[in-house]
């Protein structure tokens, strides 16, 4: 599992930066990683915005993903550590 860039094969558990180009009938965001269509499930995504997503299931021509958790850590007083 790790960071990947466009042009590489899509892998389950990997994180990709995806721009949402459309919305599906069930409210999922739809974008692409190279030639693979990615459906971002349970996401309150907006068309035109880009998100870091974690791939949850890969098929031959499409994949399902969810929004990746922010990479910020917090300390006791609420300050963000990056």
PDB file of N, CA and C in Angstrom:
ATOM      1  N   UNK A   1       0.837  -1.177   0.000  1.00  0.00           N
ATOM      2  CA  UNK A   1       0.000   0.000   0.000  1.00  0.00           C
ATOM      3  C   UNK A   1       0.876   1.232   0.000  1.00  0.00           C
ATOM      4  N   UNK A   2       0.509   2.191  -0.818  1.00  0.00           N
ATOM      5  CA  UNK A   2       1.285   3.402  -0.843  1.00  0.00           C
ATOM      6  C   UNK A   2       0.731   4.392  -1.833  1.00  0.00           C
ATOM      7  N   UNK A   3       1.423   5.489  -1.984  1.00  0.00           N
ATOM      8  CA  UNK A   3       1.021   6.529  -2.916  1.00  0.00           C
ATOM      9  C   UNK A   3       1.339   6.092  -4.336  1.00  0.00           C
ATOM     10  N   UNK A   4       0.449   6.389  -5.254  1.00  0.00           N
ATOM     11  CA  UNK A   4       0.651   6.065  -6.660  1.00  0.00           C
ATOM     12  C   UNK A   4       0.283   7.263  -7.501  1.00  0.00           C
ATOM     13  N   UNK A   5       0.810   7.330  -8.668  1.00  0.00           N
ATOM     14  CA  UNK A   5       0.531   8.409  -9.604  1.00  0.00           C
ATOM     15  C   UNK A   5      -0.269   7.854 -10.784  1.00  0.00           C
ATOM     16  N   UNK A   6      -0.888   8.756 -11.527  1.00  0.00           N
ATOM     17  CA  UNK A   6      -1.619   8.337 -12.710  1.00  0.00           C
ATOM     18  C   UNK A   6      -0.698   7.600 -13.669  1.00  0.00           C
ATOM     19  N   UNK A   7      -1.268   6.653 -14.392  1.00  0.00           N
ATOM     20  CA  UNK A   7      -0.476   5.906 -15.355  1.00  0.00           C
ATOM     21  C   UNK A   7      -0.012   4.574 -14.817  1.00  0.00           C
ATOM     22  N   UNK A   8      -0.142   4.362 -13.511  1.00  0.00           N
ATOM     23  CA  UNK A   8       0.218   3.078 -12.942  1.00  0.00           C
ATOM     24  C   UNK A   8      -1.050   2.255 -12.761  1.00  0.00           C
ATOM     25  N   UNK A   9      -0.884   0.956 -12.633  1.00  0.00           N
ATOM     26  CA  UNK A   9      -2.016   0.077 -12.430  1.00  0.00           C
ATOM     27  C   UNK A   9      -2.703   0.406 -11.099  1.00  0.00           C
ATOM     28  N   UNK A  10      -4.036   0.387 -11.085  1.00  0.00           N
ATOM     29  CA  UNK A  10      -4.810   0.668  -9.882  1.00  0.00           C
ATOM     30  C   UNK A  10      -4.762  -0.558  -8.982  1.00  0.00           C
ATOM     31  N   UNK A  11      -4.462  -0.346  -7.694  1.00  0.00           N
ATOM     32  CA  UNK A  11      -4.346  -1.444  -6.743  1.00  0.00           C
ATOM     33  C   UNK A  11      -5.229  -1.193  -5.527  1.00  0.00           C
ATOM     34  N   UNK A  12      -5.853  -2.252  -5.014  1.00  0.00           N
ATOM     35  CA  UNK A  12      -6.655  -2.152  -3.798  1.00  0.00           C
ATOM     36  C   UNK A  12      -5.776  -1.682  -2.642  1.00  0.00           C
ATOM     37  N   UNK A  13      -6.311  -0.787  -1.837  1.00  0.00           N
ATOM     38  CA  UNK A  13      -5.598  -0.275  -0.678  1.00  0.00           C
ATOM     39  C   UNK A  13      -4.713   0.922  -0.975  1.00  0.00           C
ATOM     40  N   UNK A  14      -4.502   1.214  -2.243  1.00  0.00           N
ATOM     41  CA  UNK A  14      -3.642   2.341  -2.621  1.00  0.00           C
ATOM     42  C   UNK A  14      -4.439   3.643  -2.632  1.00  0.00           C
ATOM     43  N   UNK A  15      -3.725   4.747  -2.472  1.00  0.00           N
ATOM     44  CA  UNK A  15      -4.342   6.073  -2.453  1.00  0.00           C
ATOM     45  C   UNK A  15      -4.000   6.793  -3.757  1.00  0.00           C
ATOM     46  N   UNK A  16      -5.025   7.402  -4.358  1.00  0.00           N
ATOM     47  CA  UNK A  16      -4.859   8.148  -5.602  1.00  0.00           C
ATOM     48  C   UNK A  16      -5.536   9.502  -5.457  1.00  0.00           C
ATOM     49  N   UNK A  17      -5.075  10.481  -6.210  1.00  0.00           N
ATOM     50  CA  UNK A  17      -5.696  11.802  -6.260  1.00  0.00           C
ATOM     51  C   UNK A  17      -6.631  11.783  -7.467  1.00  0.00           C
ATOM     52  N   UNK A  18      -7.942  11.914  -7.231  1.00  0.00           N
ATOM     53  CA  UNK A  18      -8.945  11.763  -8.285  1.00  0.00           C
ATOM     54  C   UNK A  18      -9.801  13.014  -8.371  1.00  0.00           C
ATOM     55  N   UNK A  19      -9.993  13.511  -9.586  1.00  0.00           N
ATOM     56  CA  UNK A  19     -10.913  14.622  -9.800  1.00  0.00           C
ATOM     57  C   UNK A  19     -12.284  14.049 -10.123  1.00  0.00           C
ATOM     58  N   UNK A  20     -13.310  14.544  -9.437  1.00  0.00           N
ATOM     59  CA  UNK A  20     -14.676  14.084  -9.668  1.00  0.00           C
ATOM     60  C   UNK A  20     -15.231  14.805 -10.893  1.00  0.00           C
ATOM     61  N   UNK A  21     -15.581  14.016 -11.913  1.00  0.00           N
ATOM     62  CA  UNK A  21     -16.085  14.566 -13.170  1.00  0.00           C
ATOM     63  C   UNK A  21     -17.594  14.464 -13.298  1.00  0.00           C
ATOM     64  N   UNK A  22     -18.221  13.595 -12.480  1.00  0.00           N
ATOM     65  CA  UNK A  22     -19.662  13.378 -12.578  1.00  0.00           C
ATOM     66  C   UNK A  22     -20.168  12.792 -11.264  1.00  0.00           C
ATOM     67  N   UNK A  23     -21.499  12.732 -11.153  1.00  0.00           N
ATOM     68  CA  UNK A  23     -22.148  12.104 -10.002  1.00  0.00           C
ATOM     69  C   UNK A  23     -22.961  10.930 -10.502  1.00  0.00           C
ATOM     70  N   UNK A  24     -22.931   9.833  -9.745  1.00  0.00           N
ATOM     71  CA  UNK A  24     -23.722   8.664 -10.093  1.00  0.00           C
ATOM     72  C   UNK A  24     -25.140   8.779  -9.559  1.00  0.00           C
ATOM     73  N   UNK A  25     -25.990   7.829  -9.955  1.00  0.00           N
ATOM     74  CA  UNK A  25     -27.389   7.824  -9.545  1.00  0.00           C
ATOM     75  C   UNK A  25     -27.547   7.690  -8.037  1.00  0.00           C
ATOM     76  N   UNK A  26     -26.597   7.052  -7.385  1.00  0.00           N
ATOM     77  CA  UNK A  26     -26.656   6.853  -5.933  1.00  0.00           C
ATOM     78  C   UNK A  26     -25.861   7.910  -5.166  1.00  0.00           C
ATOM     79  N   UNK A  27     -25.416   8.952  -5.861  1.00  0.00           N
ATOM     80  CA  UNK A  27     -24.716  10.043  -5.204  1.00  0.00           C
ATOM     81  C   UNK A  27     -23.211   9.880  -5.120  1.00  0.00           C
ATOM     82  N   UNK A  28     -22.682   8.786  -5.675  1.00  0.00           N
ATOM     83  CA  UNK A  28     -21.241   8.580  -5.622  1.00  0.00           C
ATOM     84  C   UNK A  28     -20.540   9.498  -6.621  1.00  0.00           C
ATOM     85  N   UNK A  29     -19.327   9.909  -6.270  1.00  0.00           N
ATOM     86  CA  UNK A  29     -18.517  10.702  -7.189  1.00  0.00           C
ATOM     87  C   UNK A  29     -17.885   9.776  -8.215  1.00  0.00           C
ATOM     88  N   UNK A  30     -17.743  10.261  -9.450  1.00  0.00           N
ATOM     89  CA  UNK A  30     -17.159   9.451 -10.518  1.00  0.00           C
ATOM     90  C   UNK A  30     -15.980  10.203 -11.107  1.00  0.00           C
ATOM     91  N   UNK A  31     -14.825   9.529 -11.158  1.00  0.00           N
ATOM     92  CA  UNK A  31     -13.615  10.098 -11.742  1.00  0.00           C
ATOM     93  C   UNK A  31     -12.819   9.002 -12.411  1.00  0.00           C
ATOM     94  N   UNK A  32     -11.580   9.303 -12.768  1.00  0.00           N
ATOM     95  CA  UNK A  32     -10.732   8.319 -13.444  1.00  0.00           C
ATOM     96  C   UNK A  32      -9.322   8.339 -12.881  1.00  0.00           C
ATOM     97  N   UNK A  33      -8.718   7.168 -12.883  1.00  0.00           N
ATOM     98  CA  UNK A  33      -7.287   7.009 -12.628  1.00  0.00           C
ATOM     99  C   UNK A  33      -6.766   6.340 -13.891  1.00  0.00           C
ATOM    100  N   UNK A  34      -6.122   7.135 -14.758  1.00  0.00           N
ATOM    101  CA  UNK A  34      -5.729   6.611 -16.065  1.00  0.00           C
ATOM    102  C   UNK A  34      -6.985   6.188 -16.809  1.00  0.00           C
ATOM    103  N   UNK A  35      -7.010   4.962 -17.360  1.00  0.00           N
ATOM    104  CA  UNK A  35      -8.196   4.496 -18.090  1.00  0.00           C
ATOM    105  C   UNK A  35      -9.271   3.881 -17.191  1.00  0.00           C
ATOM    106  N   UNK A  36      -9.013   3.776 -15.885  1.00  0.00           N
ATOM    107  CA  UNK A  36      -9.931   3.104 -14.961  1.00  0.00           C
ATOM    108  C   UNK A  36     -10.912   4.108 -14.358  1.00  0.00           C
ATOM    109  N   UNK A  37     -12.206   3.831 -14.493  1.00  0.00           N
ATOM    110  CA  UNK A  37     -13.247   4.659 -13.891  1.00  0.00           C
ATOM    111  C   UNK A  37     -13.308   4.321 -12.408  1.00  0.00           C
ATOM    112  N   UNK A  38     -13.355   5.358 -11.558  1.00  0.00           N
ATOM    113  CA  UNK A  38     -13.382   5.162 -10.105  1.00  0.00           C
ATOM    114  C   UNK A  38     -14.677   5.755  -9.550  1.00  0.00           C
ATOM    115  N   UNK A  39     -15.427   4.913  -8.825  1.00  0.00           N
ATOM    116  CA  UNK A  39     -16.648   5.333  -8.149  1.00  0.00           C
ATOM    117  C   UNK A  39     -16.307   5.566  -6.681  1.00  0.00           C
ATOM    118  N   UNK A  40     -16.452   6.804  -6.215  1.00  0.00           N
ATOM    119  CA  UNK A  40     -16.121   7.148  -4.831  1.00  0.00           C
ATOM    120  C   UNK A  40     -17.400   7.018  -4.004  1.00  0.00           C
ATOM    121  N   UNK A  41     -17.487   5.932  -3.240  1.00  0.00           N
ATOM    122  CA  UNK A  41     -18.695   5.623  -2.476  1.00  0.00           C
ATOM    123  C   UNK A  41     -18.799   6.467  -1.208  1.00  0.00           C
ATOM    124  N   UNK A  42     -20.052   6.702  -0.803  1.00  0.00           N
ATOM    125  CA  UNK A  42     -20.355   7.380   0.459  1.00  0.00           C
ATOM    126  C   UNK A  42     -19.597   8.687   0.625  1.00  0.00           C
ATOM    127  N   UNK A  43     -19.408   9.385  -0.455  1.00  0.00           N
ATOM    128  CA  UNK A  43     -18.635  10.622  -0.401  1.00  0.00           C
ATOM    129  C   UNK A  43     -19.529  11.806  -0.742  1.00  0.00           C
ATOM    130  N   UNK A  44     -19.401  12.858   0.020  1.00  0.00           N
ATOM    131  CA  UNK A  44     -20.113  14.087  -0.307  1.00  0.00           C
ATOM    132  C   UNK A  44     -19.187  14.915  -1.187  1.00  0.00           C
ATOM    133  N   UNK A  45     -18.936  14.386  -2.359  1.00  0.00           N
ATOM    134  CA  UNK A  45     -17.995  15.019  -3.277  1.00  0.00           C
ATOM    135  C   UNK A  45     -18.724  16.010  -4.172  1.00  0.00           C
ATOM    136  N   UNK A  46     -17.970  16.936  -4.693  1.00  0.00           N
ATOM    137  CA  UNK A  46     -18.517  17.928  -5.613  1.00  0.00           C
ATOM    138  C   UNK A  46     -17.829  17.778  -6.963  1.00  0.00           C
ATOM    139  N   UNK A  47     -18.600  17.907  -8.017  1.00  0.00           N
ATOM    140  CA  UNK A  47     -18.048  17.828  -9.367  1.00  0.00           C
ATOM    141  C   UNK A  47     -17.028  18.941  -9.539  1.00  0.00           C
ATOM    142  N   UNK A  48     -15.868  18.581 -10.084  1.00  0.00           N
ATOM    143  CA  UNK A  48     -14.802  19.541 -10.312  1.00  0.00           C
ATOM    144  C   UNK A  48     -13.743  19.548  -9.226  1.00  0.00           C
ATOM    145  N   UNK A  49     -14.068  19.057  -8.031  1.00  0.00           N
ATOM    146  CA  UNK A  49     -13.088  18.998  -6.945  1.00  0.00           C
ATOM    147  C   UNK A  49     -12.268  17.716  -7.049  1.00  0.00           C
ATOM    148  N   UNK A  50     -11.054  17.761  -6.521  1.00  0.00           N
ATOM    149  CA  UNK A  50     -10.175  16.585  -6.512  1.00  0.00           C
ATOM    150  C   UNK A  50      -9.994  16.121  -5.071  1.00  0.00           C
ATOM    151  N   UNK A  51      -9.919  14.805  -4.883  1.00  0.00           N
ATOM    152  CA  UNK A  51      -9.835  14.217  -3.554  1.00  0.00           C
ATOM    153  C   UNK A  51      -8.800  13.102  -3.539  1.00  0.00           C
ATOM    154  N   UNK A  52      -8.221  12.858  -2.368  1.00  0.00           N
ATOM    155  CA  UNK A  52      -7.404  11.665  -2.169  1.00  0.00           C
ATOM    156  C   UNK A  52      -8.369  10.548  -1.808  1.00  0.00           C
ATOM    157  N   UNK A  53      -8.330   9.453  -2.572  1.00  0.00           N
ATOM    158  CA  UNK A  53      -9.229   8.333  -2.325  1.00  0.00           C
ATOM    159  C   UNK A  53      -8.427   7.049  -2.167  1.00  0.00           C
ATOM    160  N   UNK A  54      -8.942   6.143  -1.343  1.00  0.00           N
ATOM    161  CA  UNK A  54      -8.337   4.822  -1.145  1.00  0.00           C
ATOM    162  C   UNK A  54      -9.192   3.812  -1.897  1.00  0.00           C
ATOM    163  N   UNK A  55      -8.556   3.042  -2.778  1.00  0.00           N
ATOM    164  CA  UNK A  55      -9.253   2.037  -3.575  1.00  0.00           C
ATOM    165  C   UNK A  55      -9.665   0.872  -2.676  1.00  0.00           C
ATOM    166  N   UNK A  56     -10.964   0.494  -2.741  1.00  0.00           N
ATOM    167  CA  UNK A  56     -11.453  -0.598  -1.907  1.00  0.00           C
ATOM    168  C   UNK A  56     -11.704  -1.877  -2.694  1.00  0.00           C
ATOM    169  N   UNK A  57     -12.016  -1.772  -3.994  1.00  0.00           N
ATOM    170  CA  UNK A  57     -12.263  -2.957  -4.814  1.00  0.00           C
ATOM    171  C   UNK A  57     -11.948  -2.627  -6.263  1.00  0.00           C
ATOM    172  N   UNK A  58     -11.199  -3.505  -6.934  1.00  0.00           N
ATOM    173  CA  UNK A  58     -10.797  -3.277  -8.325  1.00  0.00           C
ATOM    174  C   UNK A  58     -11.394  -4.351  -9.225  1.00  0.00           C
ATOM    175  N   UNK A  59     -11.975  -3.911 -10.327  1.00  0.00           N
ATOM    176  CA  UNK A  59     -12.464  -4.797 -11.378  1.00  0.00           C
ATOM    177  C   UNK A  59     -11.662  -4.499 -12.632  1.00  0.00           C
ATOM    178  N   UNK A  60     -11.993  -5.121 -13.742  1.00  0.00           N
ATOM    179  CA  UNK A  60     -11.183  -4.974 -14.958  1.00  0.00           C
ATOM    180  C   UNK A  60     -11.162  -3.542 -15.493  1.00  0.00           C
ATOM    181  N   UNK A  61     -12.318  -2.879 -15.543  1.00  0.00           N
ATOM    182  CA  UNK A  61     -12.373  -1.537 -16.136  1.00  0.00           C
ATOM    183  C   UNK A  61     -12.818  -0.446 -15.173  1.00  0.00           C
ATOM    184  N   UNK A  62     -13.129  -0.817 -13.931  1.00  0.00           N
ATOM    185  CA  UNK A  62     -13.552   0.189 -12.956  1.00  0.00           C
ATOM    186  C   UNK A  62     -13.144  -0.247 -11.555  1.00  0.00           C
ATOM    187  N   UNK A  63     -13.269   0.702 -10.624  1.00  0.00           N
ATOM    188  CA  UNK A  63     -12.898   0.419  -9.239  1.00  0.00           C
ATOM    189  C   UNK A  63     -13.806   1.218  -8.309  1.00  0.00           C
ATOM    190  N   UNK A  64     -13.943   0.734  -7.079  1.00  0.00           N
ATOM    191  CA  UNK A  64     -14.647   1.460  -6.032  1.00  0.00           C
ATOM    192  C   UNK A  64     -13.616   2.030  -5.071  1.00  0.00           C
ATOM    193  N   UNK A  65     -13.945   3.201  -4.516  1.00  0.00           N
ATOM    194  CA  UNK A  65     -13.026   3.859  -3.581  1.00  0.00           C
ATOM    195  C   UNK A  65     -13.827   4.587  -2.520  1.00  0.00           C
ATOM    196  N   UNK A  66     -13.124   4.994  -1.475  1.00  0.00           N
ATOM    197  CA  UNK A  66     -13.707   5.845  -0.440  1.00  0.00           C
ATOM    198  C   UNK A  66     -12.727   6.968  -0.180  1.00  0.00           C
ATOM    199  N   UNK A  67     -13.226   8.056   0.400  1.00  0.00           N
ATOM    200  CA  UNK A  67     -12.327   9.164   0.699  1.00  0.00           C
ATOM    201  C   UNK A  67     -11.251   8.695   1.663  1.00  0.00           C
ATOM    202  N   UNK A  68     -10.027   9.080   1.371  1.00  0.00           N
ATOM    203  CA  UNK A  68      -8.904   8.729   2.237  1.00  0.00           C
ATOM    204  C   UNK A  68      -8.970   9.574   3.490  1.00  0.00           C
ATOM    205  N   UNK A  69      -8.561   9.012   4.605  1.00  0.00           N
ATOM    206  CA  UNK A  69      -8.545   9.749   5.863  1.00  0.00           C
ATOM    207  C   UNK A  69      -7.454  10.823   5.794  1.00  0.00           C
ATOM    208  N   UNK A  70      -7.696  11.980   6.386  1.00  0.00           N
ATOM    209  CA  UNK A  70      -6.653  13.013   6.406  1.00  0.00           C
ATOM    210  C   UNK A  70      -5.398  12.477   7.089  1.00  0.00           C
ATOM    211  N   UNK A  71      -4.256  12.968   6.660  1.00  0.00           N
ATOM    212  CA  UNK A  71      -2.993  12.497   7.208  1.00  0.00           C
ATOM    213  C   UNK A  71      -2.495  13.350   8.361  1.00  0.00           C
ATOM    214  N   UNK A  72      -3.379  14.129   8.964  1.00  0.00           N
ATOM    215  CA  UNK A  72      -2.987  15.000  10.053  1.00  0.00           C
ATOM    216  C   UNK A  72      -3.101  14.248  11.373  1.00  0.00           C
ATOM    217  N   UNK A  73      -2.185  14.500  12.254  1.00  0.00           N
ATOM    218  CA  UNK A  73      -2.255  13.965  13.600  1.00  0.00           C
ATOM    219  C   UNK A  73      -2.487  15.153  14.527  1.00  0.00           C
ATOM    220  N   UNK A  74      -3.189  14.928  15.613  1.00  0.00           N
ATOM    221  CA  UNK A  74      -3.501  16.023  16.531  1.00  0.00           C
ATOM    222  C   UNK A  74      -2.896  15.742  17.898  1.00  0.00           C
ATOM    223  N   UNK A  75      -2.481  16.836  18.550  1.00  0.00           N
ATOM    224  CA  UNK A  75      -2.000  16.703  19.915  1.00  0.00           C
ATOM    225  C   UNK A  75      -3.091  17.186  20.856  1.00  0.00           C
ATOM    226  N   UNK A  76      -2.916  17.022  22.139  1.00  0.00           N
ATOM    227  CA  UNK A  76      -3.935  17.289  23.139  1.00  0.00           C
ATOM    228  C   UNK A  76      -4.612  18.648  23.062  1.00  0.00           C
ATOM    229  N   UNK A  77      -3.884  19.699  22.681  1.00  0.00           N
ATOM    230  CA  UNK A  77      -4.516  21.021  22.656  1.00  0.00           C
ATOM    231  C   UNK A  77      -5.231  21.316  21.336  1.00  0.00           C
ATOM    232  N   UNK A  78      -5.330  20.326  20.452  1.00  0.00           N
ATOM    233  CA  UNK A  78      -6.044  20.485  19.204  1.00  0.00           C
ATOM    234  C   UNK A  78      -5.195  20.991  18.062  1.00  0.00           C
ATOM    235  N   UNK A  79      -3.907  21.188  18.274  1.00  0.00           N
ATOM    236  CA  UNK A  79      -3.031  21.640  17.209  1.00  0.00           C
ATOM    237  C   UNK A  79      -2.778  20.498  16.219  1.00  0.00           C
ATOM    238  N   UNK A  80      -2.717  20.812  14.958  1.00  0.00           N
ATOM    239  CA  UNK A  80      -2.475  19.803  13.936  1.00  0.00           C
ATOM    240  C   UNK A  80      -0.977  19.614  13.744  1.00  0.00           C
ATOM    241  N   UNK A  81      -0.569  18.377  13.648  1.00  0.00           N
ATOM    242  CA  UNK A  81       0.804  18.033  13.300  1.00  0.00           C
ATOM    243  C   UNK A  81       0.769  17.373  11.937  1.00  0.00           C
ATOM    244  N   UNK A  82       1.629  17.797  11.058  1.00  0.00           N
ATOM    245  CA  UNK A  82       1.613  17.228   9.707  1.00  0.00           C
ATOM    246  C   UNK A  82       2.789  16.310   9.524  1.00  0.00           C
TER     247      UNK A  82
END
